[in-house]
Amino acid sequence: MIWNSSADFFAMGGYAFYVWGSFGCCVVLMLCEPWVVLRRRMAALRQVRSQHEAGRSQP
């Protein structure tokens, strides 16, 4: 595909909403994934720590 101007490039031959929307969703998901993984890791560590503490306090 040949674009004569930047406006033609950003219009993407009439598919701009689909193309740029897809890129936008991908960027949002790629930014959210490390945050979600970090939260799940912290929750798992808290759970293991509390189980360890509970096991320690029992005679």
Protein backbone atom coordinates (compact mmCIF):
# COMPACT_ATOMS: atom_id res chain seq x y z
CA MET A 1 0.00 0.00 0.00
CA ILE A 2 1.34 3.44 -0.92
CA TRP A 3 0.50 6.49 1.17
CA ASN A 4 0.76 9.96 -0.34
CA SER A 5 0.53 11.79 2.97
CA SER A 6 0.54 11.18 6.69
CA ALA A 7 -3.24 11.58 6.69
CA ASP A 8 -3.49 8.67 4.25
CA PHE A 9 -1.20 6.64 6.49
CA PHE A 10 -3.28 7.30 9.60
CA ALA A 11 -6.53 6.61 7.69
CA MET A 12 -5.15 3.15 6.78
CA GLY A 13 -7.27 2.84 3.67
CA GLY A 14 -10.51 3.24 5.60
CA TYR A 15 -9.61 0.72 8.28
CA ALA A 16 -8.08 3.20 10.71
CA PHE A 17 -10.52 2.51 13.55
CA TYR A 18 -9.84 -1.23 13.42
CA VAL A 19 -6.06 -0.90 12.97
CA TRP A 20 -5.40 1.80 15.56
CA GLY A 21 -7.97 0.33 17.95
CA SER A 22 -6.15 -3.00 17.76
CA PHE A 23 -2.81 -1.34 18.43
CA GLY A 24 -4.33 0.58 21.33
CA CYS A 25 -5.81 -2.54 22.92
CA CYS A 26 -2.51 -4.35 22.54
CA VAL A 27 -0.59 -1.52 24.22
CA VAL A 28 -3.07 -1.33 27.10
CA LEU A 29 -2.90 -5.08 27.67
CA MET A 30 0.90 -5.11 27.49
CA LEU A 31 1.05 -2.36 30.11
CA CYS A 32 -1.51 -4.02 32.40
CA GLU A 33 0.02 -7.51 32.32
CA PRO A 34 3.12 -6.79 34.47
CA TRP A 35 0.95 -4.93 36.99
CA VAL A 36 -1.47 -7.87 37.27
CA VAL A 37 1.39 -10.37 37.58
CA LEU A 38 3.01 -8.28 40.32
CA ARG A 39 -0.24 -8.09 42.28
CA ARG A 40 -0.81 -11.85 42.01
CA ARG A 41 2.77 -12.52 43.10
CA MET A 42 2.42 -10.27 46.12
CA ALA A 43 -0.87 -11.95 47.06
CA ALA A 44 0.71 -15.41 46.75
CA LEU A 45 3.67 -14.36 48.90
CA ARG A 46 1.32 -12.95 51.54
CA GLN A 47 -0.64 -16.21 51.55
CA VAL A 48 2.51 -18.33 51.90
CA ARG A 49 3.81 -16.05 54.65
CA SER A 50 0.54 -16.26 56.60
CA GLN A 51 0.44 -20.05 56.24
CA HIS A 52 4.03 -20.24 57.43
CA GLU A 53 3.25 -18.04 60.43
CA ALA A 54 0.15 -20.11 61.24
CA GLY A 55 2.17 -23.33 61.11
CA ARG A 56 4.82 -21.84 63.38
CA SER A 57 2.38 -20.81 66.11
CA GLN A 58 0.88 -24.27 66.51
CA PRO A 59 2.54 -26.51 69.14
